[in-house]
Amino acid sequence: AATFPVVWFGSVFALPKVTRQIALEAQLGQSLGKGFEVPVGGGATLKVASCNDLFAADARGLDMRGATHEAYRYFALSCYAARAISQAQPSRTSAVQDFKLDETAVRQLPAALWPLAAAEQRPAGTAPRVRFGDQVGGAQYKVTDTPDSRQVEVTDVHGNNQDIAWVARGDFDHDGLEDLLLATHDSPAGGDQGFQLLVLSRRATDAPLAIRQRFAVNGPRHTP
């Protein structure tokens, strides 16, 4: 029997403030304000006013451009998070019940969460950096966490910035093991801003967290 329920935090990344998964699923089809006019070519646009509209636009390879792109992809982040939570299941076992998103936890997160990890140039023969703290530079960065241990801000000495939010917990990949759903807002110095939505888990409390799934929240032209 499942022991650990699906739990999400509605104040993070504009998730709807509802308490049941079926209500969260219903929100995906509801119009949220005036929406976005997404270009489809030839001067025509497609109105995207709900999460289901956005999923359909992404499936067609459509995206906003220019100054409105960041706001559109922030909307996408909330939509993909809401859908993931609505489809999550209660967990049979958990190795993350003691998890809290503070500085200690951040330093132990997978290095691949840091937005510059993919571009890192390591000398030949050196081991890959597997922990977030190693990737960002040990003590050379600043972590500011919140009292509820659900959101942190990370800044390194080069001006790169990342907000990390703990969005939910539950069984997102349906393997019976409790997972964590984390979202990030990445602001590389001199680069384009972006978002991440990831499922992380571990099989033992003393094991490192590993990324199990990434969602394509930055749009169809970007790999997850």
Protein backbone atom coordinates (compact mmCIF):
# COMPACT_ATOMS: atom_id res chain seq x y z
CA ALA A 1 0.00 0.00 0.00
CA ALA A 2 1.16 3.54 -0.75
CA THR A 3 2.48 5.34 2.31
CA PHE A 4 3.63 8.76 1.11
CA PRO A 5 1.08 11.09 -0.56
CA VAL A 6 1.69 13.49 -3.41
CA VAL A 7 2.37 16.94 -1.94
CA TRP A 8 2.94 20.23 -3.75
CA PHE A 9 3.52 23.80 -2.71
CA GLY A 10 1.10 26.14 -4.49
CA SER A 11 3.04 29.33 -3.77
CA VAL A 12 6.05 28.20 -5.83
CA PHE A 13 6.21 29.18 -9.52
CA ALA A 14 2.55 30.26 -9.69
CA LEU A 15 1.00 26.81 -9.30
CA PRO A 16 -2.76 26.99 -8.77
CA LYS A 17 -3.72 26.96 -5.09
CA VAL A 18 -5.80 23.77 -5.13
CA THR A 19 -5.49 20.79 -2.81
CA ARG A 20 -6.57 17.84 -5.00
CA GLN A 21 -4.80 16.43 -8.03
CA ILE A 22 -8.03 16.18 -10.00
CA ALA A 23 -8.58 19.91 -9.46
CA LEU A 24 -5.04 20.61 -10.60
CA GLU A 25 -5.64 18.57 -13.75
CA ALA A 26 -8.82 20.54 -14.44
CA GLN A 27 -6.81 23.78 -14.27
CA LEU A 28 -4.80 22.70 -17.33
CA GLY A 29 -7.74 23.39 -19.62
CA GLN A 30 -8.85 26.67 -18.07
CA SER A 31 -8.11 30.00 -19.71
CA LEU A 32 -5.66 32.10 -17.71
CA GLY A 33 -6.17 35.72 -18.71
CA LYS A 34 -5.57 37.14 -22.16
CA GLY A 35 -2.89 34.58 -23.01
CA PHE A 36 -0.23 34.82 -25.71
CA GLU A 37 -0.37 35.28 -29.47
CA VAL A 38 2.18 32.75 -30.73
CA PRO A 39 3.41 33.25 -34.32
CA VAL A 40 2.67 30.38 -36.73
CA GLY A 41 4.16 31.95 -39.88
CA GLY A 42 2.92 34.24 -42.61
CA GLY A 43 1.91 36.86 -40.07
CA ALA A 44 -0.66 34.56 -38.46
CA THR A 45 -0.77 33.78 -34.74
CA LEU A 46 -2.19 31.08 -32.48
CA LYS A 47 -3.84 32.12 -29.22
CA VAL A 48 -2.39 30.26 -26.23
CA ALA A 49 -4.49 30.96 -23.13
CA SER A 50 -4.39 27.66 -21.23
CA CYS A 51 -1.84 25.00 -20.38
CA ASN A 52 -3.45 22.60 -22.84
CA ASP A 53 -3.08 25.28 -25.53
CA LEU A 54 0.61 25.54 -24.66
CA PHE A 55 1.15 21.77 -24.82
CA ALA A 56 -0.45 21.73 -28.26
CA ALA A 57 1.69 24.67 -29.43
CA ASP A 58 4.85 22.96 -28.19
CA ALA A 59 3.84 19.76 -30.01
CA ARG A 60 3.64 21.81 -33.21
CA GLY A 61 7.08 23.32 -32.60
CA LEU A 62 5.71 26.82 -32.02
CA ASP A 63 7.22 29.32 -29.59
CA MET A 64 7.21 32.99 -28.64
CA ARG A 65 10.15 35.14 -29.64
CA GLY A 66 11.70 38.35 -28.44
CA ALA A 67 10.82 40.14 -25.24
CA THR A 68 7.81 37.95 -24.40
CA HIS A 69 9.69 34.64 -24.67
CA GLU A 70 10.77 34.52 -21.01
CA ALA A 71 7.25 35.21 -19.71
CA TYR A 72 5.85 32.55 -22.05
CA ARG A 73 8.36 29.92 -20.91
CA TYR A 74 7.68 30.83 -17.26
CA PHE A 75 4.05 30.03 -18.02
CA ALA A 76 5.25 26.78 -19.61
CA LEU A 77 7.20 25.90 -16.47
CA SER A 78 4.06 26.22 -14.34
CA CYS A 79 2.04 24.19 -16.85
CA TYR A 80 4.47 21.30 -17.10
CA ALA A 81 4.82 21.25 -13.30
CA ALA A 82 1.04 21.18 -12.83
CA ARG A 83 0.65 18.34 -15.34
CA ALA A 84 3.48 16.33 -13.75
CA ILE A 85 1.91 16.71 -10.30
CA SER A 86 -1.57 15.82 -11.57
CA GLN A 87 -0.16 12.57 -13.03
CA ALA A 88 2.02 11.66 -10.02
CA GLN A 89 1.15 8.77 -7.72
CA PRO A 90 1.54 8.22 -3.98
CA SER A 91 4.82 6.49 -3.16
CA ARG A 92 5.32 3.10 -1.52
CA THR A 93 8.81 3.86 -0.20
CA SER A 94 10.91 7.00 0.31
CA ALA A 95 14.55 7.92 0.80
CA VAL A 96 13.87 11.68 0.62
CA GLN A 97 11.51 12.19 3.57
CA ASP A 98 14.19 14.18 5.42
CA PHE A 99 14.96 16.40 2.41
CA LYS A 100 14.98 20.18 2.81
CA LEU A 101 16.26 22.64 0.26
CA ASP A 102 18.98 24.49 2.16
CA GLU A 103 22.66 25.25 1.53
CA THR A 104 23.81 21.79 2.60
CA ALA A 105 21.36 20.13 0.20
CA VAL A 106 22.28 22.46 -2.66
CA ARG A 107 25.96 21.59 -2.44
CA GLN A 108 25.04 17.90 -2.76
CA LEU A 109 22.66 18.26 -5.73
CA PRO A 110 23.77 16.84 -9.11
CA ALA A 111 26.20 19.17 -10.86
CA ALA A 112 24.06 19.05 -14.02
CA LEU A 113 21.54 21.41 -12.39
CA TRP A 114 23.99 24.30 -12.73
CA PRO A 115 23.19 26.06 -16.03
CA LEU A 116 26.83 26.22 -17.11
CA ALA A 117 27.60 22.55 -16.39
CA ALA A 118 27.14 21.45 -20.00
CA ALA A 119 29.65 24.03 -21.22
CA GLU A 120 32.32 23.22 -18.64
CA GLN A 121 35.78 22.58 -20.07
CA ARG A 122 37.72 20.15 -17.88
CA PRO A 123 41.39 19.23 -18.37
CA ALA A 124 41.92 15.84 -19.97
CA GLY A 125 42.09 13.00 -17.47
CA THR A 126 40.24 14.80 -14.67
CA ALA A 127 37.13 13.33 -13.09
CA PRO A 128 33.73 14.86 -13.89
CA ARG A 129 32.25 17.11 -11.25
CA VAL A 130 29.26 15.24 -9.90
CA ARG A 131 28.16 17.53 -7.06
CA PHE A 132 26.64 20.98 -7.48
CA GLY A 133 29.11 22.44 -4.97
CA ASP A 134 32.09 21.13 -6.94
CA GLN A 135 30.69 22.41 -10.23
CA VAL A 136 29.96 25.94 -9.05
CA GLY A 137 33.26 26.30 -7.28
CA GLY A 138 33.07 25.16 -3.67
CA ALA A 139 33.06 28.14 -1.30
CA GLN A 140 33.22 30.67 -4.15
CA TYR A 141 29.47 31.04 -4.42
CA LYS A 142 26.69 32.32 -2.21
CA VAL A 143 23.51 30.46 -1.32
CA THR A 144 20.53 32.31 0.14
CA ASP A 145 17.75 30.03 1.37
CA THR A 146 14.27 30.70 2.74
CA PRO A 147 12.93 29.80 6.20
CA ASP A 148 10.64 27.09 4.78
CA SER A 149 13.59 25.39 2.99
CA ARG A 150 11.74 25.31 -0.32
CA GLN A 151 13.62 27.91 -2.34
CA VAL A 152 17.24 29.01 -2.67
CA GLU A 153 19.15 31.55 -4.70
CA VAL A 154 22.66 30.69 -5.88
CA THR A 155 25.15 33.27 -7.17
CA ASP A 156 28.74 32.62 -8.16
CA VAL A 157 31.72 34.98 -8.38
CA HIS A 158 31.18 35.45 -12.14
CA GLY A 159 27.66 36.85 -11.77
CA ASN A 160 25.80 33.68 -12.79
CA ASN A 161 22.55 33.35 -10.87
CA GLN A 162 20.09 30.52 -10.32
CA ASP A 163 16.86 30.30 -8.31
CA ILE A 164 16.00 26.74 -7.29
CA ALA A 165 12.55 25.86 -5.99
CA TRP A 166 11.29 22.62 -4.49
CA VAL A 167 7.91 22.32 -6.19
CA ALA A 168 6.52 18.96 -5.10
CA ARG A 169 7.14 15.43 -3.87
CA GLY A 170 5.53 12.21 -5.08
CA ASP A 171 6.09 9.27 -7.41
CA PHE A 172 6.50 11.01 -10.77
CA ASP A 173 7.96 8.10 -12.73
CA HIS A 174 5.60 5.48 -11.21
CA ASP A 175 8.29 3.16 -9.86
CA GLY A 176 6.97 3.21 -6.29
CA LEU A 177 9.84 5.37 -4.98
CA GLU A 178 9.23 8.94 -3.79
CA ASP A 179 10.76 11.65 -6.01
CA LEU A 180 11.37 15.38 -5.72
CA LEU A 181 10.21 17.86 -8.37
CA LEU A 182 12.59 20.84 -8.59
CA ALA A 183 12.36 23.91 -10.81
CA THR A 184 15.06 26.46 -11.62
CA HIS A 185 15.27 29.91 -13.15
CA ASP A 186 18.72 30.24 -14.67
CA SER A 187 20.36 33.61 -15.38
CA PRO A 188 23.88 33.08 -16.76
CA ALA A 189 26.02 36.23 -16.84
CA GLY A 190 25.84 37.61 -20.36
CA GLY A 191 23.65 34.74 -21.56
CA ASP A 192 20.01 33.92 -22.20
CA GLN A 193 17.76 33.20 -19.25
CA GLY A 194 16.06 29.83 -19.06
CA PHE A 195 14.20 27.37 -16.86
CA GLN A 196 14.52 23.76 -15.78
CA LEU A 197 11.99 21.30 -14.37
CA LEU A 198 13.47 18.07 -13.09
CA VAL A 199 12.58 14.92 -11.19
CA LEU A 200 15.25 13.75 -8.73
CA SER A 201 15.36 10.71 -6.48
CA ARG A 202 17.59 8.28 -4.59
CA ARG A 203 17.22 4.72 -3.33
CA ALA A 204 18.89 5.21 0.06
CA THR A 205 19.02 8.16 2.44
CA ASP A 206 22.83 8.24 2.26
CA ALA A 207 22.93 8.02 -1.56
CA PRO A 208 23.32 11.09 -3.80
CA LEU A 209 20.28 12.48 -5.55
CA ALA A 210 20.15 11.68 -9.26
CA ILE A 211 18.18 13.31 -12.08
CA ARG A 212 15.50 10.87 -13.31
CA GLN A 213 13.63 13.10 -15.75
CA ARG A 214 13.81 16.52 -17.43
CA PHE A 215 10.88 18.39 -18.97
CA ALA A 216 11.23 20.51 -22.11
CA VAL A 217 10.06 23.72 -20.45
CA ASN A 218 12.28 25.99 -22.58
CA GLY A 219 10.40 25.18 -25.75
CA PRO A 220 10.48 22.78 -28.69
CA ARG A 221 13.70 24.27 -30.09
CA HIS A 222 15.64 23.47 -26.92
CA THR A 223 16.60 20.01 -25.73
CA PRO A 224 15.44 19.18 -22.18
